[in-house]
Structure formats: structure tokens, C-alpha cells
């Protein structure tokens, strides 16, 4: 089943986010290579493709896991979570309808 992993960043964590980005992207890339990633990306803090110093407010990942528990465990092990970029994280079942 698909699961949405919705995170909210802590304040003033852009430098921390960038420092942990390679490790975070490597984990997401594994999902992609396994055919389990529907989409992933950050939420810019301003209405711009590149928010610059404004940074990001969080992220969204929609990926396939065997269970809600497996999705939560994967999310909890992310470098952004472990190293304090995300202040909150929610994992919810997701039903893809379109396209």
C-alpha cells in the first residue's frame, strides 16, 4: 500500500537540512530504484522553485510499504528525523486515484 510521509521542519534548520541532504536523498533513491516511490519533495517556505535563505517548511514522500508500521519505521530512521531537521512527522495511508 502507498503511505504519505508528511514532515514539518523545525525553525532555522536550513543549514542542518543541507548537511543531511545527501544521506536523506540516498534513502529516497533506494525507494525509487525498488519501484516503491510515487513522489518526493520539499515544501519551499516561499512561493518559489528555489526559496534561497527562506528554506523549506517540510517535506512530502509518498512511497509503498508493506504496512503502516514499516512506513513509520522507515520514516523514523531518516537522517532529517534523527538529526533534528524535522520537528514533526506524520505517516498516513494514501490511496492513489489519479492519474
PDB file of N, CA and C in Angstrom:
ATOM      1  N   UNK A   1       0.834  -1.175   0.000  1.00  0.00           N
ATOM      2  CA  UNK A   1       0.000   0.000   0.000  1.00  0.00           C
ATOM      3  C   UNK A   1       0.885   1.246   0.000  1.00  0.00           C
ATOM      4  N   UNK A   2       0.321   2.337  -0.526  1.00  0.00           N
ATOM      5  CA  UNK A   2       1.017   3.620  -0.509  1.00  0.00           C
ATOM      6  C   UNK A   2       0.843   4.291   0.847  1.00  0.00           C
ATOM      7  N   UNK A   3       1.885   5.035   1.265  1.00  0.00           N
ATOM      8  CA  UNK A   3       1.840   5.809   2.504  1.00  0.00           C
ATOM      9  C   UNK A   3       2.415   7.191   2.248  1.00  0.00           C
ATOM     10  N   UNK A   4       1.748   8.204   2.805  1.00  0.00           N
ATOM     11  CA  UNK A   4       2.244   9.576   2.741  1.00  0.00           C
ATOM     12  C   UNK A   4       3.036   9.856   4.016  1.00  0.00           C
ATOM     13  N   UNK A   5       4.245  10.317   3.836  1.00  0.00           N
ATOM     14  CA  UNK A   5       5.103  10.716   4.951  1.00  0.00           C
ATOM     15  C   UNK A   5       5.190  12.235   4.882  1.00  0.00           C
ATOM     16  N   UNK A   6       4.558  12.887   5.841  1.00  0.00           N
ATOM     17  CA  UNK A   6       4.408  14.337   5.838  1.00  0.00           C
ATOM     18  C   UNK A   6       5.190  14.896   7.025  1.00  0.00           C
ATOM     19  N   UNK A   7       6.171  15.736   6.724  1.00  0.00           N
ATOM     20  CA  UNK A   7       7.003  16.262   7.806  1.00  0.00           C
ATOM     21  C   UNK A   7       6.901  17.767   7.896  1.00  0.00           C
ATOM     22  N   UNK A   8       7.170  18.267   9.076  1.00  0.00           N
ATOM     23  CA  UNK A   8       7.252  19.702   9.333  1.00  0.00           C
ATOM     24  C   UNK A   8       8.645  19.980   9.879  1.00  0.00           C
ATOM     25  N   UNK A   9       9.346  20.922   9.251  1.00  0.00           N
ATOM     26  CA  UNK A   9      10.702  21.250   9.704  1.00  0.00           C
ATOM     27  C   UNK A   9      10.677  22.090  10.974  1.00  0.00           C
ATOM     28  N   UNK A  10      11.711  21.933  11.778  1.00  0.00           N
ATOM     29  CA  UNK A  10      11.946  22.831  12.901  1.00  0.00           C
ATOM     30  C   UNK A  10      12.391  24.177  12.339  1.00  0.00           C
ATOM     31  N   UNK A  11      12.298  25.215  13.135  1.00  0.00           N
ATOM     32  CA  UNK A  11      12.719  26.551  12.704  1.00  0.00           C
ATOM     33  C   UNK A  11      14.225  26.617  12.507  1.00  0.00           C
ATOM     34  N   UNK A  12      14.634  27.406  11.537  1.00  0.00           N
ATOM     35  CA  UNK A  12      16.049  27.706  11.298  1.00  0.00           C
ATOM     36  C   UNK A  12      16.921  26.468  11.128  1.00  0.00           C
ATOM     37  N   UNK A  13      16.471  25.525  10.309  1.00  0.00           N
ATOM     38  CA  UNK A  13      17.230  24.289  10.111  1.00  0.00           C
ATOM     39  C   UNK A  13      17.734  24.123   8.683  1.00  0.00           C
ATOM     40  N   UNK A  14      17.774  25.207   7.902  1.00  0.00           N
ATOM     41  CA  UNK A  14      18.210  25.081   6.511  1.00  0.00           C
ATOM     42  C   UNK A  14      19.625  24.516   6.417  1.00  0.00           C
ATOM     43  N   UNK A  15      20.565  25.016   7.212  1.00  0.00           N
ATOM     44  CA  UNK A  15      21.942  24.509   7.162  1.00  0.00           C
ATOM     45  C   UNK A  15      21.980  23.041   7.568  1.00  0.00           C
ATOM     46  N   UNK A  16      21.208  22.672   8.573  1.00  0.00           N
ATOM     47  CA  UNK A  16      21.142  21.280   9.024  1.00  0.00           C
ATOM     48  C   UNK A  16      20.514  20.402   7.942  1.00  0.00           C
ATOM     49  N   UNK A  17      19.487  20.908   7.296  1.00  0.00           N
ATOM     50  CA  UNK A  17      18.835  20.179   6.197  1.00  0.00           C
ATOM     51  C   UNK A  17      19.845  19.912   5.085  1.00  0.00           C
ATOM     52  N   UNK A  18      20.580  20.943   4.682  1.00  0.00           N
ATOM     53  CA  UNK A  18      21.539  20.797   3.586  1.00  0.00           C
ATOM     54  C   UNK A  18      22.674  19.834   3.958  1.00  0.00           C
ATOM     55  N   UNK A  19      23.098  19.850   5.206  1.00  0.00           N
ATOM     56  CA  UNK A  19      24.163  18.943   5.650  1.00  0.00           C
ATOM     57  C   UNK A  19      23.714  17.487   5.605  1.00  0.00           C
ATOM     58  N   UNK A  20      22.435  17.239   5.857  1.00  0.00           N
ATOM     59  CA  UNK A  20      21.912  15.874   5.883  1.00  0.00           C
ATOM     60  C   UNK A  20      21.254  15.445   4.579  1.00  0.00           C
ATOM     61  N   UNK A  21      21.195  16.346   3.611  1.00  0.00           N
ATOM     62  CA  UNK A  21      20.506  16.074   2.347  1.00  0.00           C
ATOM     63  C   UNK A  21      21.083  14.876   1.581  1.00  0.00           C
ATOM     64  N   UNK A  22      22.406  14.741   1.438  1.00  0.00           N
ATOM     65  CA  UNK A  22      22.906  13.583   0.679  1.00  0.00           C
ATOM     66  C   UNK A  22      22.462  12.238   1.267  1.00  0.00           C
ATOM     67  N   UNK A  23      22.505  12.098   2.571  1.00  0.00           N
ATOM     68  CA  UNK A  23      22.093  10.838   3.203  1.00  0.00           C
ATOM     69  C   UNK A  23      20.587  10.626   3.052  1.00  0.00           C
ATOM     70  N   UNK A  24      19.823  11.699   3.186  1.00  0.00           N
ATOM     71  CA  UNK A  24      18.366  11.622   3.010  1.00  0.00           C
ATOM     72  C   UNK A  24      18.027  11.197   1.578  1.00  0.00           C
ATOM     73  N   UNK A  25      18.640  11.856   0.599  1.00  0.00           N
ATOM     74  CA  UNK A  25      18.361  11.540  -0.797  1.00  0.00           C
ATOM     75  C   UNK A  25      18.789  10.125  -1.167  1.00  0.00           C
ATOM     76  N   UNK A  26      19.847   9.624  -0.567  1.00  0.00           N
ATOM     77  CA  UNK A  26      20.287   8.247  -0.839  1.00  0.00           C
ATOM     78  C   UNK A  26      19.208   7.251  -0.427  1.00  0.00           C
ATOM     79  N   UNK A  27      18.549   7.496   0.703  1.00  0.00           N
ATOM     80  CA  UNK A  27      17.474   6.601   1.157  1.00  0.00           C
ATOM     81  C   UNK A  27      16.273   6.680   0.218  1.00  0.00           C
ATOM     82  N   UNK A  28      15.924   7.882  -0.205  1.00  0.00           N
ATOM     83  CA  UNK A  28      14.795   8.054  -1.119  1.00  0.00           C
ATOM     84  C   UNK A  28      15.125   7.429  -2.478  1.00  0.00           C
ATOM     85  N   UNK A  29      16.363   7.569  -2.918  1.00  0.00           N
ATOM     86  CA  UNK A  29      16.806   6.962  -4.172  1.00  0.00           C
ATOM     87  C   UNK A  29      16.641   5.442  -4.136  1.00  0.00           C
ATOM     88  N   UNK A  30      16.892   4.826  -2.992  1.00  0.00           N
ATOM     89  CA  UNK A  30      16.688   3.378  -2.850  1.00  0.00           C
ATOM     90  C   UNK A  30      15.228   3.009  -3.103  1.00  0.00           C
ATOM     91  N   UNK A  31      14.309   3.801  -2.558  1.00  0.00           N
ATOM     92  CA  UNK A  31      12.884   3.549  -2.815  1.00  0.00           C
ATOM     93  C   UNK A  31      12.583   3.648  -4.308  1.00  0.00           C
ATOM     94  N   UNK A  32      13.160   4.652  -4.951  1.00  0.00           N
ATOM     95  CA  UNK A  32      12.958   4.836  -6.389  1.00  0.00           C
ATOM     96  C   UNK A  32      13.471   3.625  -7.170  1.00  0.00           C
ATOM     97  N   UNK A  33      14.668   3.195  -6.854  1.00  0.00           N
ATOM     98  CA  UNK A  33      15.276   2.052  -7.549  1.00  0.00           C
ATOM     99  C   UNK A  33      14.496   0.768  -7.324  1.00  0.00           C
ATOM    100  N   UNK A  34      13.814   0.657  -6.196  1.00  0.00           N
ATOM    101  CA  UNK A  34      12.999  -0.522  -5.890  1.00  0.00           C
ATOM    102  C   UNK A  34      11.596  -0.413  -6.494  1.00  0.00           C
ATOM    103  N   UNK A  35      11.302   0.703  -7.171  1.00  0.00           N
ATOM    104  CA  UNK A  35       9.988   0.895  -7.754  1.00  0.00           C
ATOM    105  C   UNK A  35       8.905   1.202  -6.737  1.00  0.00           C
ATOM    106  N   UNK A  36       9.287   1.730  -5.573  1.00  0.00           N
ATOM    107  CA  UNK A  36       8.349   1.956  -4.474  1.00  0.00           C
ATOM    108  C   UNK A  36       8.069   3.433  -4.210  1.00  0.00           C
ATOM    109  N   UNK A  37       8.609   4.326  -5.027  1.00  0.00           N
ATOM    110  CA  UNK A  37       8.439   5.757  -4.797  1.00  0.00           C
ATOM    111  C   UNK A  37       7.454   6.340  -5.803  1.00  0.00           C
ATOM    112  N   UNK A  38       6.411   6.987  -5.305  1.00  0.00           N
ATOM    113  CA  UNK A  38       5.452   7.670  -6.171  1.00  0.00           C
ATOM    114  C   UNK A  38       5.891   9.113  -6.392  1.00  0.00           C
ATOM    115  N   UNK A  39       6.260   9.800  -5.315  1.00  0.00           N
ATOM    116  CA  UNK A  39       6.762  11.165  -5.417  1.00  0.00           C
ATOM    117  C   UNK A  39       7.455  11.557  -4.123  1.00  0.00           C
ATOM    118  N   UNK A  40       8.300  12.573  -4.229  1.00  0.00           N
ATOM    119  CA  UNK A  40       9.000  13.076  -3.040  1.00  0.00           C
ATOM    120  C   UNK A  40       9.483  14.486  -3.314  1.00  0.00           C
ATOM    121  N   UNK A  41       9.462  15.311  -2.289  1.00  0.00           N
ATOM    122  CA  UNK A  41       9.999  16.654  -2.425  1.00  0.00           C
ATOM    123  C   UNK A  41       9.720  17.512  -1.211  1.00  0.00           C
ATOM    124  N   UNK A  42      10.435  18.636  -1.137  1.00  0.00           N
ATOM    125  CA  UNK A  42      10.260  19.551  -0.011  1.00  0.00           C
ATOM    126  C   UNK A  42       9.176  20.595  -0.285  1.00  0.00           C
ATOM    127  N   UNK A  43       8.736  21.246   0.781  1.00  0.00           N
ATOM    128  CA  UNK A  43       7.805  22.366   0.700  1.00  0.00           C
ATOM    129  C   UNK A  43       8.605  23.654   0.876  1.00  0.00           C
ATOM    130  N   UNK A  44       8.817  24.432  -0.198  1.00  0.00           N
ATOM    131  CA  UNK A  44       9.529  25.701  -0.043  1.00  0.00           C
ATOM    132  C   UNK A  44       8.778  26.633   0.908  1.00  0.00           C
ATOM    133  N   UNK A  45       9.518  27.413   1.672  1.00  0.00           N
ATOM    134  CA  UNK A  45       8.915  28.340   2.633  1.00  0.00           C
ATOM    135  C   UNK A  45       8.269  29.542   1.957  1.00  0.00           C
ATOM    136  N   UNK A  46       8.648  29.789   0.713  1.00  0.00           N
ATOM    137  CA  UNK A  46       8.067  30.881  -0.075  1.00  0.00           C
ATOM    138  C   UNK A  46       7.643  30.319  -1.424  1.00  0.00           C
ATOM    139  N   UNK A  47       6.846  31.074  -2.137  1.00  0.00           N
ATOM    140  CA  UNK A  47       6.321  30.622  -3.423  1.00  0.00           C
ATOM    141  C   UNK A  47       7.379  30.784  -4.509  1.00  0.00           C
ATOM    142  N   UNK A  48       8.358  29.886  -4.477  1.00  0.00           N
ATOM    143  CA  UNK A  48       9.456  29.932  -5.435  1.00  0.00           C
ATOM    144  C   UNK A  48      10.062  28.544  -5.567  1.00  0.00           C
ATOM    145  N   UNK A  49      10.517  28.237  -6.775  1.00  0.00           N
ATOM    146  CA  UNK A  49      11.176  26.952  -7.018  1.00  0.00           C
ATOM    147  C   UNK A  49      12.424  26.816  -6.143  1.00  0.00           C
ATOM    148  N   UNK A  50      13.195  27.893  -6.035  1.00  0.00           N
ATOM    149  CA  UNK A  50      14.373  27.941  -5.174  1.00  0.00           C
ATOM    150  C   UNK A  50      14.120  28.996  -4.103  1.00  0.00           C
ATOM    151  N   UNK A  51      13.814  28.582  -2.879  1.00  0.00           N
ATOM    152  CA  UNK A  51      13.463  29.543  -1.843  1.00  0.00           C
ATOM    153  C   UNK A  51      14.646  30.281  -1.229  1.00  0.00           C
ATOM    154  N   UNK A  52      15.845  29.927  -1.647  1.00  0.00           N
ATOM    155  CA  UNK A  52      17.026  30.594  -1.112  1.00  0.00           C
ATOM    156  C   UNK A  52      17.103  30.493   0.404  1.00  0.00           C
ATOM    157  N   UNK A  53      17.428  31.594   1.048  1.00  0.00           N
ATOM    158  CA  UNK A  53      17.597  31.620   2.509  1.00  0.00           C
ATOM    159  C   UNK A  53      16.298  31.355   3.268  1.00  0.00           C
ATOM    160  N   UNK A  54      15.142  31.508   2.601  1.00  0.00           N
ATOM    161  CA  UNK A  54      13.863  31.229   3.268  1.00  0.00           C
ATOM    162  C   UNK A  54      13.760  29.747   3.626  1.00  0.00           C
ATOM    163  N   UNK A  55      14.407  28.905   2.836  1.00  0.00           N
ATOM    164  CA  UNK A  55      14.454  27.476   3.136  1.00  0.00           C
ATOM    165  C   UNK A  55      13.152  26.745   2.875  1.00  0.00           C
ATOM    166  N   UNK A  56      12.902  25.762   3.683  1.00  0.00           N
ATOM    167  CA  UNK A  56      11.780  24.858   3.494  1.00  0.00           C
ATOM    168  C   UNK A  56      11.006  24.694   4.797  1.00  0.00           C
ATOM    169  N   UNK A  57       9.748  24.311   4.671  1.00  0.00           N
ATOM    170  CA  UNK A  57       8.915  24.117   5.860  1.00  0.00           C
ATOM    171  C   UNK A  57       8.676  22.644   6.174  1.00  0.00           C
ATOM    172  N   UNK A  58       9.088  21.771   5.289  1.00  0.00           N
ATOM    173  CA  UNK A  58       8.875  20.342   5.498  1.00  0.00           C
ATOM    174  C   UNK A  58       9.005  19.595   4.187  1.00  0.00           C
ATOM    175  N   UNK A  59       8.523  18.357   4.186  1.00  0.00           N
ATOM    176  CA  UNK A  59       8.651  17.501   3.011  1.00  0.00           C
ATOM    177  C   UNK A  59       7.452  16.568   2.896  1.00  0.00           C
ATOM    178  N   UNK A  60       7.301  16.015   1.704  1.00  0.00           N
ATOM    179  CA  UNK A  60       6.290  15.002   1.440  1.00  0.00           C
ATOM    180  C   UNK A  60       6.939  13.873   0.659  1.00  0.00           C
ATOM    181  N   UNK A  61       6.736  12.664   1.124  1.00  0.00           N
ATOM    182  CA  UNK A  61       7.165  11.464   0.407  1.00  0.00           C
ATOM    183  C   UNK A  61       5.946  10.550   0.333  1.00  0.00           C
ATOM    184  N   UNK A  62       5.652  10.033  -0.842  1.00  0.00           N
ATOM    185  CA  UNK A  62       4.614   9.018  -0.989  1.00  0.00           C
ATOM    186  C   UNK A  62       5.305   7.785  -1.556  1.00  0.00           C
ATOM    187  N   UNK A  63       5.290   6.725  -0.766  1.00  0.00           N
ATOM    188  CA  UNK A  63       6.010   5.509  -1.139  1.00  0.00           C
ATOM    189  C   UNK A  63       5.230   4.274  -0.700  1.00  0.00           C
ATOM    190  N   UNK A  64       5.601   3.156  -1.276  1.00  0.00           N
ATOM    191  CA  UNK A  64       4.932   1.886  -0.993  1.00  0.00           C
ATOM    192  C   UNK A  64       5.687   1.127   0.097  1.00  0.00           C
ATOM    193  N   UNK A  65       4.931   0.653   1.069  1.00  0.00           N
ATOM    194  CA  UNK A  65       5.474  -0.160   2.156  1.00  0.00           C
ATOM    195  C   UNK A  65       4.507  -1.307   2.428  1.00  0.00           C
ATOM    196  N   UNK A  66       4.977  -2.328   3.130  1.00  0.00           N
ATOM    197  CA  UNK A  66       4.141  -3.486   3.453  1.00  0.00           C
ATOM    198  C   UNK A  66       3.071  -3.167   4.494  1.00  0.00           C
ATOM    199  N   UNK A  67       3.354  -2.150   5.339  1.00  0.00           N
ATOM    200  CA  UNK A  67       2.416  -1.824   6.414  1.00  0.00           C
ATOM    201  C   UNK A  67       2.671  -0.410   6.905  1.00  0.00           C
ATOM    202  N   UNK A  68       1.728   0.104   7.665  1.00  0.00           N
ATOM    203  CA  UNK A  68       1.893   1.412   8.295  1.00  0.00           C
ATOM    204  C   UNK A  68       3.092   1.402   9.234  1.00  0.00           C
ATOM    205  N   UNK A  69       3.271   0.308   9.938  1.00  0.00           N
ATOM    206  CA  UNK A  69       4.404   0.191  10.866  1.00  0.00           C
ATOM    207  C   UNK A  69       5.734   0.245  10.123  1.00  0.00           C
ATOM    208  N   UNK A  70       5.799  -0.415   8.956  1.00  0.00           N
ATOM    209  CA  UNK A  70       7.033  -0.399   8.164  1.00  0.00           C
ATOM    210  C   UNK A  70       7.308   1.002   7.621  1.00  0.00           C
ATOM    211  N   UNK A  71       6.259   1.691   7.189  1.00  0.00           N
ATOM    212  CA  UNK A  71       6.423   3.061   6.700  1.00  0.00           C
ATOM    213  C   UNK A  71       6.896   3.977   7.827  1.00  0.00           C
ATOM    214  N   UNK A  72       6.311   3.827   9.004  1.00  0.00           N
ATOM    215  CA  UNK A  72       6.704   4.653  10.150  1.00  0.00           C
ATOM    216  C   UNK A  72       8.145   4.376  10.545  1.00  0.00           C
ATOM    217  N   UNK A  73       8.544   3.123  10.557  1.00  0.00           N
ATOM    218  CA  UNK A  73       9.928   2.776  10.906  1.00  0.00           C
ATOM    219  C   UNK A  73      10.911   3.364   9.898  1.00  0.00           C
ATOM    220  N   UNK A  74      10.566   3.296   8.616  1.00  0.00           N
ATOM    221  CA  UNK A  74      11.435   3.878   7.591  1.00  0.00           C
ATOM    222  C   UNK A  74      11.551   5.382   7.803  1.00  0.00           C
ATOM    223  N   UNK A  75      10.425   6.040   8.030  1.00  0.00           N
ATOM    224  CA  UNK A  75      10.426   7.490   8.236  1.00  0.00           C
ATOM    225  C   UNK A  75      11.224   7.882   9.478  1.00  0.00           C
ATOM    226  N   UNK A  76      11.049   7.139  10.553  1.00  0.00           N
ATOM    227  CA  UNK A  76      11.746   7.445  11.810  1.00  0.00           C
ATOM    228  C   UNK A  76      13.254   7.304  11.694  1.00  0.00           C
ATOM    229  N   UNK A  77      13.732   6.509  10.729  1.00  0.00           N
ATOM    230  CA  UNK A  77      15.170   6.277  10.552  1.00  0.00           C
ATOM    231  C   UNK A  77      15.814   7.276   9.596  1.00  0.00           C
ATOM    232  N   UNK A  78      15.041   8.230   9.083  1.00  0.00           N
ATOM    233  CA  UNK A  78      15.577   9.191   8.122  1.00  0.00           C
ATOM    234  C   UNK A  78      16.542  10.160   8.804  1.00  0.00           C
ATOM    235  N   UNK A  79      17.631  10.521   8.133  1.00  0.00           N
ATOM    236  CA  UNK A  79      18.587  11.478   8.707  1.00  0.00           C
ATOM    237  C   UNK A  79      17.960  12.814   9.100  1.00  0.00           C
ATOM    238  N   UNK A  80      16.949  13.265   8.370  1.00  0.00           N
ATOM    239  CA  UNK A  80      16.286  14.516   8.736  1.00  0.00           C
ATOM    240  C   UNK A  80      15.587  14.388  10.089  1.00  0.00           C
ATOM    241  N   UNK A  81      15.057  13.234  10.390  1.00  0.00           N
ATOM    242  CA  UNK A  81      14.398  12.997  11.679  1.00  0.00           C
ATOM    243  C   UNK A  81      15.451  12.827  12.775  1.00  0.00           C
ATOM    244  N   UNK A  82      16.406  11.957  12.527  1.00  0.00           N
ATOM    245  CA  UNK A  82      17.432  11.646  13.528  1.00  0.00           C
ATOM    246  C   UNK A  82      18.228  12.880  13.931  1.00  0.00           C
ATOM    247  N   UNK A  83      18.493  13.768  12.973  1.00  0.00           N
ATOM    248  CA  UNK A  83      19.361  14.918  13.231  1.00  0.00           C
ATOM    249  C   UNK A  83      18.618  16.228  13.479  1.00  0.00           C
ATOM    250  N   UNK A  84      17.306  16.167  13.670  1.00  0.00           N
ATOM    251  CA  UNK A  84      16.562  17.326  14.130  1.00  0.00           C
ATOM    252  C   UNK A  84      16.086  18.314  13.085  1.00  0.00           C
ATOM    253  N   UNK A  85      16.148  17.962  11.800  1.00  0.00           N
ATOM    254  CA  UNK A  85      15.602  18.852  10.772  1.00  0.00           C
ATOM    255  C   UNK A  85      14.080  18.907  10.919  1.00  0.00           C
ATOM    256  N   UNK A  86      13.456  17.748  11.044  1.00  0.00           N
ATOM    257  CA  UNK A  86      12.001  17.679  11.185  1.00  0.00           C
ATOM    258  C   UNK A  86      11.620  17.763  12.659  1.00  0.00           C
ATOM    259  N   UNK A  87      10.655  18.650  12.960  1.00  0.00           N
ATOM    260  CA  UNK A  87      10.154  18.721  14.332  1.00  0.00           C
ATOM    261  C   UNK A  87       8.933  17.827  14.515  1.00  0.00           C
ATOM    262  N   UNK A  88       8.261  17.488  13.403  1.00  0.00           N
ATOM    263  CA  UNK A  88       7.132  16.571  13.491  1.00  0.00           C
ATOM    264  C   UNK A  88       7.037  15.761  12.205  1.00  0.00           C
ATOM    265  N   UNK A  89       6.410  14.604  12.341  1.00  0.00           N
ATOM    266  CA  UNK A  89       6.310  13.661  11.240  1.00  0.00           C
ATOM    267  C   UNK A  89       5.004  12.904  11.374  1.00  0.00           C
ATOM    268  N   UNK A  90       4.281  12.794  10.275  1.00  0.00           N
ATOM    269  CA  UNK A  90       3.040  12.030  10.265  1.00  0.00           C
ATOM    270  C   UNK A  90       3.095  11.064   9.098  1.00  0.00           C
ATOM    271  N   UNK A  91       2.733   9.824   9.343  1.00  0.00           N
ATOM    272  CA  UNK A  91       2.678   8.802   8.299  1.00  0.00           C
ATOM    273  C   UNK A  91       1.234   8.330   8.213  1.00  0.00           C
ATOM    274  N   UNK A  92       0.681   8.412   6.998  1.00  0.00           N
ATOM    275  CA  UNK A  92      -0.718   8.072   6.795  1.00  0.00           C
ATOM    276  C   UNK A  92      -0.873   7.198   5.562  1.00  0.00           C
ATOM    277  N   UNK A  93      -1.819   6.260   5.570  1.00  0.00           N
ATOM    278  CA  UNK A  93      -2.117   5.513   4.359  1.00  0.00           C
ATOM    279  C   UNK A  93      -2.567   6.488   3.262  1.00  0.00           C
ATOM    280  N   UNK A  94      -2.235   6.156   2.022  1.00  0.00           N
ATOM    281  CA  UNK A  94      -2.544   7.009   0.878  1.00  0.00           C
ATOM    282  C   UNK A  94      -3.145   6.154  -0.218  1.00  0.00           C
ATOM    283  N   UNK A  95      -4.264   6.572  -0.749  1.00  0.00           N
ATOM    284  CA  UNK A  95      -4.896   5.844  -1.848  1.00  0.00           C
ATOM    285  C   UNK A  95      -4.724   6.668  -3.128  1.00  0.00           C
ATOM    286  N   UNK A  96      -3.915   6.175  -4.038  1.00  0.00           N
ATOM    287  CA  UNK A  96      -3.695   6.850  -5.321  1.00  0.00           C
ATOM    288  C   UNK A  96      -4.916   6.628  -6.204  1.00  0.00           C
ATOM    289  N   UNK A  97      -5.517   7.711  -6.673  1.00  0.00           N
ATOM    290  CA  UNK A  97      -6.677   7.627  -7.545  1.00  0.00           C
ATOM    291  C   UNK A  97      -6.328   8.131  -8.953  1.00  0.00           C
ATOM    292  N   UNK A  98      -5.690   9.296  -9.049  1.00  0.00           N
ATOM    293  CA  UNK A  98      -5.337   9.884 -10.338  1.00  0.00           C
ATOM    294  C   UNK A  98      -3.883  10.353 -10.316  1.00  0.00           C
ATOM    295  N   UNK A  99      -3.194  10.471 -11.378  1.00  0.00           N
ATOM    296  CA  UNK A  99      -3.551   9.922 -12.683  1.00  0.00           C
ATOM    297  C   UNK A  99      -3.388   8.423 -12.685  1.00  0.00           C
TER     298      UNK A  99
END
